[in-house]
Amino acid sequence: MPLVNTTEMFKKAYAGGYAIGAFNVNNMEIVQGITEACGELKAPVILQVSAGARKYANHTYLTKLVEAAVIENPEIPIALHLDHGSSYELCKDCVDGGFTSVMFDGSSKPYEENVEEARKVVQYAHKYNVTVEAELGQLAGIEDEVSVDAEKAHFTDPAQVQDFVTRTGVDSLAIAIGTSHGAYKFKPGQKPQLRFDILKEVSERLPGFPIVLHGASSVIPEFVQQINQFGGAMPDAIGIPEEMLREAAKMAVCKINVDSDLRLAMTASIRKYFAENPSHFDPRQYLAPARTAIKDMVAHKINTVLGCAGKA
């Protein structure tokens, strides 16, 4: 099947009490690892491209890699999504460039400015059957070009969600309930906690409406341990417990973003390979097991967090 937008994905996910994995892609091995896992498990998937990924790998290269993945996996729905589009111009460029879904992130802007620009993105994207995600509230942490100090982060105000969705016409909404970007989501000794009360109130105010969680990597401890074992320095890397994410997926959350766990899986595999094979220099030798590590991690997420196996 061709690339799809997220409309039917989210409709089925909401009704079925599961979530779609939205995995960030930067190169061929990451695309292959993700889609091989999803293909084998018959799981729908969203492949996300950030502004940083477009700068690194080039828009055309990334879209062609995703097109190849669609050809190789004809039985699963695949959406191509812009992650954290910071402007109308960037979102428009991705719509024009073949993306089937875009996120406009105006969460750092004043509320009325966020509403106005999100509405403008929706008006353009919907002309081309492209779905739009926006964000209310602001997550802390660092990921690519997104950087928010902890003191500037704030939870989503449920009282705003109906007004925002009605006035903008967005198709899904990312909310801030305690997740954060990057591998250092919590301080040592701090207990990870998600504000399920906010999620519940949002879902009551927006019945049937798909909610998105950003910054939802679990920072899988075995990867952190392996990185540190083979020369890395990642003390106190802590993520979101997977059981909390699974609970969110059973509620109104239809899309869960994963980026840091992909990076950790790949880096852990490559560090281990270099340590055990110091004479090797062929990139294919160390990128092949890295691709497998990504595939295995994605399969783990599908089975234990997302619950979307067999939902293609």
C-alpha atoms as a PDB file:
ATOM      1  CA  MET A   1       0.000   0.000   0.000  1.00  0.00           C
ATOM      2  CA  PRO A   2       1.172   3.610  -0.487  1.00  0.00           C
ATOM      3  CA  LEU A   3       2.103   5.923   2.376  1.00  0.00           C
ATOM      4  CA  VAL A   4      -0.923   6.751   4.511  1.00  0.00           C
ATOM      5  CA  ASN A   5      -1.831   9.562   6.881  1.00  0.00           C
ATOM      6  CA  THR A   6      -2.659   8.844  10.523  1.00  0.00           C
ATOM      7  CA  THR A   7      -6.475   9.119  10.434  1.00  0.00           C
ATOM      8  CA  GLU A   8      -7.389   5.434  10.223  1.00  0.00           C
ATOM      9  CA  MET A   9      -4.375   4.396  12.324  1.00  0.00           C
ATOM     10  CA  PHE A  10      -5.539   6.531  15.233  1.00  0.00           C
ATOM     11  CA  LYS A  11      -9.206   5.641  14.868  1.00  0.00           C
ATOM     12  CA  LYS A  12      -8.380   1.939  15.208  1.00  0.00           C
ATOM     13  CA  ALA A  13      -5.823   2.536  17.968  1.00  0.00           C
ATOM     14  CA  TYR A  14      -8.263   4.544  20.081  1.00  0.00           C
ATOM     15  CA  ALA A  15     -10.973   1.921  19.740  1.00  0.00           C
ATOM     16  CA  GLY A  16      -8.547  -0.934  20.365  1.00  0.00           C
ATOM     17  CA  GLY A  17      -6.738   0.470  23.387  1.00  0.00           C
ATOM     18  CA  TYR A  18      -3.282   0.464  21.832  1.00  0.00           C
ATOM     19  CA  ALA A  19      -0.848   3.022  20.429  1.00  0.00           C
ATOM     20  CA  ILE A  20       1.151   3.412  17.231  1.00  0.00           C
ATOM     21  CA  GLY A  21       4.905   3.674  17.535  1.00  0.00           C
ATOM     22  CA  ALA A  22       6.329   6.868  16.059  1.00  0.00           C
ATOM     23  CA  PHE A  23      10.025   6.199  15.534  1.00  0.00           C
ATOM     24  CA  ASN A  24      12.533   8.846  14.459  1.00  0.00           C
ATOM     25  CA  VAL A  25      14.645   7.995  11.420  1.00  0.00           C
ATOM     26  CA  ASN A  26      18.005   9.386  10.335  1.00  0.00           C
ATOM     27  CA  ASN A  27      19.594   6.821   8.016  1.00  0.00           C
ATOM     28  CA  MET A  28      19.051   3.579   6.106  1.00  0.00           C
ATOM     29  CA  GLU A  29      19.808   1.159   8.933  1.00  0.00           C
ATOM     30  CA  ILE A  30      17.331   2.831  11.279  1.00  0.00           C
ATOM     31  CA  VAL A  31      14.574   2.767   8.640  1.00  0.00           C
ATOM     32  CA  GLN A  32      15.299  -0.870   7.879  1.00  0.00           C
ATOM     33  CA  GLY A  33      15.433  -1.992  11.508  1.00  0.00           C
ATOM     34  CA  ILE A  34      12.140  -0.307  12.378  1.00  0.00           C
ATOM     35  CA  THR A  35      10.176  -1.481   9.360  1.00  0.00           C
ATOM     36  CA  GLU A  36      11.543  -5.037   9.420  1.00  0.00           C
ATOM     37  CA  ALA A  37      10.252  -5.409  12.989  1.00  0.00           C
ATOM     38  CA  CYS A  38       6.890  -3.877  12.106  1.00  0.00           C
ATOM     39  CA  GLY A  39       6.599  -5.980   8.972  1.00  0.00           C
ATOM     40  CA  GLU A  40       7.219  -9.221  10.822  1.00  0.00           C
ATOM     41  CA  LEU A  41       4.807  -8.300  13.634  1.00  0.00           C
ATOM     42  CA  LYS A  42       2.177  -6.852  11.276  1.00  0.00           C
ATOM     43  CA  ALA A  43       2.231  -3.551  13.146  1.00  0.00           C
ATOM     44  CA  PRO A  44       1.331  -0.141  11.683  1.00  0.00           C
ATOM     45  CA  VAL A  45       4.091   2.427  12.089  1.00  0.00           C
ATOM     46  CA  ILE A  46       4.858   6.137  11.867  1.00  0.00           C
ATOM     47  CA  LEU A  47       8.323   7.048  10.613  1.00  0.00           C
ATOM     48  CA  GLN A  48       9.239  10.485  11.963  1.00  0.00           C
ATOM     49  CA  VAL A  49      11.705  12.965  10.533  1.00  0.00           C
ATOM     50  CA  SER A  50      12.885  15.905  12.597  1.00  0.00           C
ATOM     51  CA  ALA A  51      14.239  19.176  11.270  1.00  0.00           C
ATOM     52  CA  GLY A  52      17.670  17.995  12.445  1.00  0.00           C
ATOM     53  CA  ALA A  53      17.327  14.745  10.495  1.00  0.00           C
ATOM     54  CA  ARG A  54      16.432  16.678   7.338  1.00  0.00           C
ATOM     55  CA  LYS A  55      19.565  18.760   7.736  1.00  0.00           C
ATOM     56  CA  TYR A  56      21.713  15.712   8.417  1.00  0.00           C
ATOM     57  CA  ALA A  57      20.459  13.273   5.791  1.00  0.00           C
ATOM     58  CA  ASN A  58      18.647  15.540   3.298  1.00  0.00           C
ATOM     59  CA  HIS A  59      14.895  15.543   2.731  1.00  0.00           C
ATOM     60  CA  THR A  60      15.120  13.652  -0.568  1.00  0.00           C
ATOM     61  CA  TYR A  61      17.326  10.861   0.760  1.00  0.00           C
ATOM     62  CA  LEU A  62      15.017  10.303   3.729  1.00  0.00           C
ATOM     63  CA  THR A  63      11.802  10.264   1.699  1.00  0.00           C
ATOM     64  CA  LYS A  64      13.324   7.834  -0.797  1.00  0.00           C
ATOM     65  CA  LEU A  65      14.434   5.537   2.037  1.00  0.00           C
ATOM     66  CA  VAL A  66      10.890   5.565   3.384  1.00  0.00           C
ATOM     67  CA  GLU A  67       9.496   4.903  -0.098  1.00  0.00           C
ATOM     68  CA  ALA A  68      11.787   1.870  -0.309  1.00  0.00           C
ATOM     69  CA  ALA A  69      10.505   0.673   3.065  1.00  0.00           C
ATOM     70  CA  VAL A  70       6.932   0.939   1.778  1.00  0.00           C
ATOM     71  CA  ILE A  71       7.819  -1.220  -1.221  1.00  0.00           C
ATOM     72  CA  GLU A  72       9.541  -3.797   1.000  1.00  0.00           C
ATOM     73  CA  ASN A  73       6.649  -3.892   3.485  1.00  0.00           C
ATOM     74  CA  PRO A  74       3.471  -3.676   1.394  1.00  0.00           C
ATOM     75  CA  GLU A  75       1.206  -5.236   4.029  1.00  0.00           C
ATOM     76  CA  ILE A  76       1.622  -2.655   6.812  1.00  0.00           C
ATOM     77  CA  PRO A  77       0.413   0.964   6.964  1.00  0.00           C
ATOM     78  CA  ILE A  78       3.337   3.417   7.080  1.00  0.00           C
ATOM     79  CA  ALA A  79       2.974   7.155   7.658  1.00  0.00           C
ATOM     80  CA  LEU A  80       5.757   9.678   7.065  1.00  0.00           C
ATOM     81  CA  HIS A  81       5.576  12.393   9.719  1.00  0.00           C
ATOM     82  CA  LEU A  82       7.392  15.647  10.415  1.00  0.00           C
ATOM     83  CA  ASP A  83       8.400  15.782  14.078  1.00  0.00           C
ATOM     84  CA  HIS A  84       8.478  19.208  15.777  1.00  0.00           C
ATOM     85  CA  GLY A  85       7.856  21.464  12.832  1.00  0.00           C
ATOM     86  CA  SER A  86       8.701  24.870  14.219  1.00  0.00           C
ATOM     87  CA  SER A  87       7.027  26.986  11.537  1.00  0.00           C
ATOM     88  CA  TYR A  88       4.317  27.066   8.921  1.00  0.00           C
ATOM     89  CA  GLU A  89       7.013  27.240   6.241  1.00  0.00           C
ATOM     90  CA  LEU A  90       8.700  24.034   7.412  1.00  0.00           C
ATOM     91  CA  CYS A  91       5.391  22.186   7.630  1.00  0.00           C
ATOM     92  CA  LYS A  92       4.387  23.389   4.154  1.00  0.00           C
ATOM     93  CA  ASP A  93       7.735  22.276   2.739  1.00  0.00           C
ATOM     94  CA  CYS A  94       7.187  18.771   4.117  1.00  0.00           C
ATOM     95  CA  VAL A  95       3.607  18.603   2.844  1.00  0.00           C
ATOM     96  CA  ASP A  96       4.871  19.634  -0.587  1.00  0.00           C
ATOM     97  CA  GLY A  97       7.704  17.114  -0.272  1.00  0.00           C
ATOM     98  CA  GLY A  98       5.529  14.037   0.191  1.00  0.00           C
ATOM     99  CA  PHE A  99       4.989  13.756   3.947  1.00  0.00           C
ATOM    100  CA  THR A 100       1.584  12.373   4.913  1.00  0.00           C
ATOM    101  CA  SER A 101       1.525  13.888   8.401  1.00  0.00           C
ATOM    102  CA  VAL A 102       3.140  16.926  10.030  1.00  0.00           C
ATOM    103  CA  MET A 103       3.488  18.282  13.525  1.00  0.00           C
ATOM    104  CA  PHE A 104       3.395  21.990  14.132  1.00  0.00           C
ATOM    105  CA  ASP A 105       5.058  22.700  17.467  1.00  0.00           C
ATOM    106  CA  GLY A 106       4.022  26.114  18.695  1.00  0.00           C
ATOM    107  CA  SER A 107       4.148  25.113  22.356  1.00  0.00           C
ATOM    108  CA  SER A 108       6.792  27.729  23.146  1.00  0.00           C
ATOM    109  CA  LYS A 109       4.687  30.519  21.646  1.00  0.00           C
ATOM    110  CA  PRO A 110       1.915  32.524  23.327  1.00  0.00           C
ATOM    111  CA  TYR A 111      -1.380  30.628  23.226  1.00  0.00           C
ATOM    112  CA  GLU A 112      -3.092  32.778  20.591  1.00  0.00           C
ATOM    113  CA  GLU A 113      -0.033  32.647  18.336  1.00  0.00           C
ATOM    114  CA  ASN A 114       0.074  28.855  18.687  1.00  0.00           C
ATOM    115  CA  VAL A 115      -3.610  28.672  17.740  1.00  0.00           C
ATOM    116  CA  GLU A 116      -3.268  30.948  14.728  1.00  0.00           C
ATOM    117  CA  GLU A 117      -0.225  29.257  13.212  1.00  0.00           C
ATOM    118  CA  ALA A 118      -1.534  25.742  13.871  1.00  0.00           C
ATOM    119  CA  ARG A 119      -4.802  26.705  12.141  1.00  0.00           C
ATOM    120  CA  LYS A 120      -2.820  27.973   9.154  1.00  0.00           C
ATOM    121  CA  VAL A 121      -0.861  24.703   8.923  1.00  0.00           C
ATOM    122  CA  VAL A 122      -4.101  22.703   9.112  1.00  0.00           C
ATOM    123  CA  GLN A 123      -5.745  24.713   6.346  1.00  0.00           C
ATOM    124  CA  TYR A 124      -2.833  24.018   4.000  1.00  0.00           C
ATOM    125  CA  ALA A 125      -2.177  20.393   4.970  1.00  0.00           C
ATOM    126  CA  HIS A 126      -5.788  19.265   4.774  1.00  0.00           C
ATOM    127  CA  LYS A 127      -5.969  20.383   1.149  1.00  0.00           C
ATOM    128  CA  TYR A 128      -3.500  17.562   0.431  1.00  0.00           C
ATOM    129  CA  ASN A 129      -4.992  14.951   2.797  1.00  0.00           C
ATOM    130  CA  VAL A 130      -2.127  15.419   5.238  1.00  0.00           C
ATOM    131  CA  THR A 131      -2.928  15.083   8.942  1.00  0.00           C
ATOM    132  CA  VAL A 132      -1.695  17.600  11.508  1.00  0.00           C
ATOM    133  CA  GLU A 133      -0.498  17.200  15.094  1.00  0.00           C
ATOM    134  CA  ALA A 134       0.031  20.136  17.432  1.00  0.00           C
ATOM    135  CA  GLU A 135       1.183  20.551  21.027  1.00  0.00           C
ATOM    136  CA  LEU A 136      -0.206  22.165  24.165  1.00  0.00           C
ATOM    137  CA  GLY A 137       2.016  22.365  27.223  1.00  0.00           C
ATOM    138  CA  GLN A 138       5.779  22.118  26.958  1.00  0.00           C
ATOM    139  CA  LEU A 139       8.143  19.246  27.659  1.00  0.00           C
ATOM    140  CA  ALA A 140      11.549  19.706  29.254  1.00  0.00           C
ATOM    141  CA  GLY A 141      14.715  18.163  27.830  1.00  0.00           C
ATOM    142  CA  ILE A 142      16.867  18.180  24.719  1.00  0.00           C
ATOM    143  CA  GLU A 143      16.316  16.370  21.433  1.00  0.00           C
ATOM    144  CA  ASP A 144      17.788  17.577  18.148  1.00  0.00           C
ATOM    145  CA  GLU A 145      16.788  21.243  17.855  1.00  0.00           C
ATOM    146  CA  VAL A 146      14.264  21.083  20.702  1.00  0.00           C
ATOM    147  CA  SER A 147      15.723  22.352  23.975  1.00  0.00           C
ATOM    148  CA  VAL A 148      13.610  23.402  26.950  1.00  0.00           C
ATOM    149  CA  ASP A 149      14.900  24.147  30.443  1.00  0.00           C
ATOM    150  CA  ALA A 150      13.083  22.306  33.219  1.00  0.00           C
ATOM    151  CA  GLU A 151      11.909  25.551  34.809  1.00  0.00           C
ATOM    152  CA  LYS A 152      10.239  26.595  31.530  1.00  0.00           C
ATOM    153  CA  ALA A 153       8.389  23.318  31.030  1.00  0.00           C
ATOM    154  CA  HIS A 154       4.731  23.178  31.995  1.00  0.00           C
ATOM    155  CA  PHE A 155       1.898  20.664  32.011  1.00  0.00           C
ATOM    156  CA  THR A 156      -0.955  20.896  29.552  1.00  0.00           C
ATOM    157  CA  ASP A 157      -3.955  22.808  30.884  1.00  0.00           C
ATOM    158  CA  PRO A 158      -6.999  20.604  30.182  1.00  0.00           C
ATOM    159  CA  ALA A 159      -9.226  23.691  30.199  1.00  0.00           C
ATOM    160  CA  GLN A 160      -7.577  24.845  26.950  1.00  0.00           C
ATOM    161  CA  VAL A 161      -7.793  21.687  24.860  1.00  0.00           C
ATOM    162  CA  GLN A 162     -11.346  22.026  23.549  1.00  0.00           C
ATOM    163  CA  ASP A 163     -10.819  25.610  22.469  1.00  0.00           C
ATOM    164  CA  PHE A 164      -7.495  24.760  20.833  1.00  0.00           C
ATOM    165  CA  VAL A 165      -8.731  21.735  18.887  1.00  0.00           C
ATOM    166  CA  THR A 166     -11.957  23.454  17.811  1.00  0.00           C
ATOM    167  CA  ARG A 167     -10.243  26.603  16.585  1.00  0.00           C
ATOM    168  CA  THR A 168      -7.301  24.919  14.860  1.00  0.00           C
ATOM    169  CA  GLY A 169      -8.882  21.775  13.426  1.00  0.00           C
ATOM    170  CA  VAL A 170      -5.833  19.649  14.272  1.00  0.00           C
ATOM    171  CA  ASP A 171      -6.133  15.871  13.979  1.00  0.00           C
ATOM    172  CA  SER A 172      -4.178  14.914  17.108  1.00  0.00           C
ATOM    173  CA  LEU A 173      -2.761  16.669  20.144  1.00  0.00           C
ATOM    174  CA  ALA A 174       0.543  16.201  21.955  1.00  0.00           C
ATOM    175  CA  ILE A 175       0.214  16.927  25.654  1.00  0.00           C
ATOM    176  CA  ALA A 176       2.680  17.376  28.515  1.00  0.00           C
ATOM    177  CA  ILE A 177       1.982  15.029  31.430  1.00  0.00           C
ATOM    178  CA  GLY A 178       5.485  14.366  32.759  1.00  0.00           C
ATOM    179  CA  THR A 179       7.487  12.944  29.862  1.00  0.00           C
ATOM    180  CA  SER A 180      10.550  14.810  28.588  1.00  0.00           C
ATOM    181  CA  HIS A 181      12.965  14.697  25.682  1.00  0.00           C
ATOM    182  CA  GLY A 182      16.361  13.023  25.760  1.00  0.00           C
ATOM    183  CA  ALA A 183      18.012  10.352  27.920  1.00  0.00           C
ATOM    184  CA  TYR A 184      18.088  12.316  31.192  1.00  0.00           C
ATOM    185  CA  LYS A 185      14.406  12.706  31.985  1.00  0.00           C
ATOM    186  CA  PHE A 186      14.701  12.608  35.766  1.00  0.00           C
ATOM    187  CA  LYS A 187      17.249  13.450  38.418  1.00  0.00           C
ATOM    188  CA  PRO A 188      18.886  10.607  40.381  1.00  0.00           C
ATOM    189  CA  GLY A 189      16.518   9.486  43.108  1.00  0.00           C
ATOM    190  CA  GLN A 190      13.545  11.196  41.492  1.00  0.00           C
ATOM    191  CA  LYS A 191      10.622   8.847  40.933  1.00  0.00           C
ATOM    192  CA  PRO A 192       9.268   8.914  37.358  1.00  0.00           C
ATOM    193  CA  GLN A 193       5.600   9.760  37.320  1.00  0.00           C
ATOM    194  CA  LEU A 194       3.051  10.588  34.647  1.00  0.00           C
ATOM    195  CA  ARG A 195       0.050  12.831  35.326  1.00  0.00           C
ATOM    196  CA  PHE A 196      -2.679  10.378  34.404  1.00  0.00           C
ATOM    197  CA  ASP A 197      -5.187  12.756  35.970  1.00  0.00           C
ATOM    198  CA  ILE A 198      -4.412  15.307  33.248  1.00  0.00           C
ATOM    199  CA  LEU A 199      -4.640  12.638  30.534  1.00  0.00           C
ATOM    200  CA  LYS A 200      -7.989  11.486  31.911  1.00  0.00           C
ATOM    201  CA  GLU A 201      -9.429  14.996  32.005  1.00  0.00           C
ATOM    202  CA  VAL A 202      -8.168  15.762  28.501  1.00  0.00           C
ATOM    203  CA  SER A 203      -9.778  12.583  27.169  1.00  0.00           C
ATOM    204  CA  GLU A 204     -13.060  13.478  28.892  1.00  0.00           C
ATOM    205  CA  ARG A 205     -13.022  16.923  27.317  1.00  0.00           C
ATOM    206  CA  LEU A 206     -12.053  15.466  23.910  1.00  0.00           C
ATOM    207  CA  PRO A 207     -13.843  12.114  23.716  1.00  0.00           C
ATOM    208  CA  GLY A 208     -12.472   9.886  20.966  1.00  0.00           C
ATOM    209  CA  PHE A 209      -9.711  12.342  20.090  1.00  0.00           C
ATOM    210  CA  PRO A 210      -6.184  10.923  19.614  1.00  0.00           C
ATOM    211  CA  ILE A 211      -3.557  12.083  22.105  1.00  0.00           C
ATOM    212  CA  VAL A 212       0.226  11.936  21.567  1.00  0.00           C
ATOM    213  CA  LEU A 213       3.099  11.474  24.002  1.00  0.00           C
ATOM    214  CA  HIS A 214       6.472  12.980  23.141  1.00  0.00           C
ATOM    215  CA  GLY A 215       9.662  12.274  25.083  1.00  0.00           C
ATOM    216  CA  ALA A 216       8.452   8.748  25.765  1.00  0.00           C
ATOM    217  CA  SER A 217      11.650   6.707  25.482  1.00  0.00           C
ATOM    218  CA  SER A 218      12.238   4.427  28.449  1.00  0.00           C
ATOM    219  CA  VAL A 219      16.037   4.799  28.255  1.00  0.00           C
ATOM    220  CA  ILE A 220      16.327   1.012  28.468  1.00  0.00           C
ATOM    221  CA  PRO A 221      18.872   0.276  31.230  1.00  0.00           C
ATOM    222  CA  GLU A 222      20.618  -2.580  29.404  1.00  0.00           C
ATOM    223  CA  PHE A 223      21.621  -0.204  26.599  1.00  0.00           C
ATOM    224  CA  VAL A 224      22.913   2.410  29.025  1.00  0.00           C
ATOM    225  CA  GLN A 225      24.861  -0.284  30.884  1.00  0.00           C
ATOM    226  CA  GLN A 226      26.364  -1.597  27.648  1.00  0.00           C
ATOM    227  CA  ILE A 227      27.368   1.881  26.507  1.00  0.00           C
ATOM    228  CA  ASN A 228      29.086   2.551  29.819  1.00  0.00           C
ATOM    229  CA  GLN A 229      30.718  -0.887  29.828  1.00  0.00           C
ATOM    230  CA  PHE A 230      32.359  -0.253  26.494  1.00  0.00           C
ATOM    231  CA  GLY A 231      33.742   3.225  27.049  1.00  0.00           C
ATOM    232  CA  GLY A 232      30.677   5.447  27.268  1.00  0.00           C
ATOM    233  CA  ALA A 233      29.852   7.953  29.977  1.00  0.00           C
ATOM    234  CA  MET A 234      26.106   8.135  30.597  1.00  0.00           C
ATOM    235  CA  PRO A 235      25.602   8.226  34.354  1.00  0.00           C
ATOM    236  CA  ASP A 236      22.086   8.766  35.670  1.00  0.00           C
ATOM    237  CA  ALA A 237      20.305   8.261  32.338  1.00  0.00           C
ATOM    238  CA  ILE A 238      16.677   7.601  33.302  1.00  0.00           C
ATOM    239  CA  GLY A 239      13.532   7.260  31.190  1.00  0.00           C
ATOM    240  CA  ILE A 240       9.789   6.633  31.417  1.00  0.00           C
ATOM    241  CA  PRO A 241       8.824   3.220  32.863  1.00  0.00           C
ATOM    242  CA  GLU A 242       7.307   1.073  30.162  1.00  0.00           C
ATOM    243  CA  GLU A 243       4.351   0.010  32.305  1.00  0.00           C
ATOM    244  CA  MET A 244       3.302   3.666  32.564  1.00  0.00           C
ATOM    245  CA  LEU A 245       3.433   4.049  28.795  1.00  0.00           C
ATOM    246  CA  ARG A 246       1.367   0.893  28.316  1.00  0.00           C
ATOM    247  CA  GLU A 247      -1.250   2.300  30.686  1.00  0.00           C
ATOM    248  CA  ALA A 248      -1.348   5.544  28.680  1.00  0.00           C
ATOM    249  CA  ALA A 249      -1.801   3.531  25.469  1.00  0.00           C
ATOM    250  CA  LYS A 250      -4.851   1.851  26.968  1.00  0.00           C
ATOM    251  CA  MET A 251      -6.369   5.295  27.511  1.00  0.00           C
ATOM    252  CA  ALA A 252      -6.513   8.071  24.900  1.00  0.00           C
ATOM    253  CA  VAL A 253      -2.858   7.972  23.783  1.00  0.00           C
ATOM    254  CA  CYS A 254      -2.715   6.745  20.182  1.00  0.00           C
ATOM    255  CA  LYS A 255       0.868   7.742  19.289  1.00  0.00           C
ATOM    256  CA  ILE A 256       3.977   7.237  21.400  1.00  0.00           C
ATOM    257  CA  ASN A 257       7.226   8.810  20.207  1.00  0.00           C
ATOM    258  CA  VAL A 258      10.509   6.919  20.469  1.00  0.00           C
ATOM    259  CA  ASP A 259      13.866   8.418  19.550  1.00  0.00           C
ATOM    260  CA  SER A 260      16.392   8.144  22.392  1.00  0.00           C
ATOM    261  CA  ASP A 261      15.886   4.379  22.732  1.00  0.00           C
ATOM    262  CA  LEU A 262      16.749   3.980  19.044  1.00  0.00           C
ATOM    263  CA  ARG A 263      19.930   5.976  19.520  1.00  0.00           C
ATOM    264  CA  LEU A 264      20.870   4.035  22.620  1.00  0.00           C
ATOM    265  CA  ALA A 265      20.287   0.651  20.979  1.00  0.00           C
ATOM    266  CA  MET A 266      22.403   1.597  17.984  1.00  0.00           C
ATOM    267  CA  THR A 267      25.214   3.191  19.989  1.00  0.00           C
ATOM    268  CA  ALA A 268      25.386   0.319  22.482  1.00  0.00           C
ATOM    269  CA  SER A 269      25.694  -2.203  19.668  1.00  0.00           C
ATOM    270  CA  ILE A 270      28.397  -0.235  17.848  1.00  0.00           C
ATOM    271  CA  ARG A 271      30.446   0.397  21.008  1.00  0.00           C
ATOM    272  CA  LYS A 272      30.367  -3.307  21.838  1.00  0.00           C
ATOM    273  CA  TYR A 273      31.345  -4.253  18.299  1.00  0.00           C
ATOM    274  CA  PHE A 274      34.308  -1.881  18.228  1.00  0.00           C
ATOM    275  CA  ALA A 275      35.541  -3.120  21.603  1.00  0.00           C
ATOM    276  CA  GLU A 276      35.370  -6.751  20.517  1.00  0.00           C
ATOM    277  CA  ASN A 277      36.645  -6.214  16.960  1.00  0.00           C
ATOM    278  CA  PRO A 278      39.305  -3.473  17.133  1.00  0.00           C
ATOM    279  CA  SER A 279      40.773  -4.332  13.727  1.00  0.00           C
ATOM    280  CA  HIS A 280      37.518  -3.980  11.794  1.00  0.00           C
ATOM    281  CA  PHE A 281      36.829  -0.849   9.779  1.00  0.00           C
ATOM    282  CA  ASP A 282      34.113  -1.821   7.284  1.00  0.00           C
ATOM    283  CA  PRO A 283      30.946   0.125   8.244  1.00  0.00           C
ATOM    284  CA  ARG A 284      28.803  -2.815   7.120  1.00  0.00           C
ATOM    285  CA  GLN A 285      30.392  -4.957   9.811  1.00  0.00           C
ATOM    286  CA  TYR A 286      29.227  -2.783  12.700  1.00  0.00           C
ATOM    287  CA  LEU A 287      26.093  -1.281  11.170  1.00  0.00           C
ATOM    288  CA  ALA A 288      24.538  -4.701  10.497  1.00  0.00           C
ATOM    289  CA  PRO A 289      24.351  -5.680  14.195  1.00  0.00           C
ATOM    290  CA  ALA A 290      23.291  -2.110  15.007  1.00  0.00           C
ATOM    291  CA  ARG A 291      20.372  -2.519  12.608  1.00  0.00           C
ATOM    292  CA  THR A 292      19.465  -5.797  14.303  1.00  0.00           C
ATOM    293  CA  ALA A 293      19.611  -4.103  17.718  1.00  0.00           C
ATOM    294  CA  ILE A 294      17.135  -1.488  16.499  1.00  0.00           C
ATOM    295  CA  LYS A 295      14.869  -4.160  15.063  1.00  0.00           C
ATOM    296  CA  ASP A 296      14.866  -6.097  18.337  1.00  0.00           C
ATOM    297  CA  MET A 297      14.211  -2.964  20.384  1.00  0.00           C
ATOM    298  CA  VAL A 298      11.285  -1.926  18.166  1.00  0.00           C
ATOM    299  CA  ALA A 299       9.805  -5.420  18.405  1.00  0.00           C
ATOM    300  CA  HIS A 300      10.102  -5.171  22.192  1.00  0.00           C
ATOM    301  CA  LYS A 301       8.257  -1.832  22.174  1.00  0.00           C
ATOM    302  CA  ILE A 302       5.487  -3.217  19.973  1.00  0.00           C
ATOM    303  CA  ASN A 303       4.960  -6.225  22.214  1.00  0.00           C
ATOM    304  CA  THR A 304       5.308  -4.668  25.670  1.00  0.00           C
ATOM    305  CA  VAL A 305       4.400  -0.974  25.342  1.00  0.00           C
ATOM    306  CA  LEU A 306       2.376  -0.250  22.225  1.00  0.00           C
ATOM    307  CA  GLY A 307       0.229  -3.373  21.943  1.00  0.00           C
ATOM    308  CA  CYS A 308      -0.127  -2.901  18.167  1.00  0.00           C
ATOM    309  CA  ALA A 309       1.176  -6.269  16.910  1.00  0.00           C
ATOM    310  CA  GLY A 310      -1.214  -7.773  14.374  1.00  0.00           C
ATOM    311  CA  LYS A 311      -3.104  -4.483  13.950  1.00  0.00           C
ATOM    312  CA  ALA A 312      -1.906  -3.698  10.413  1.00  0.00           C
END
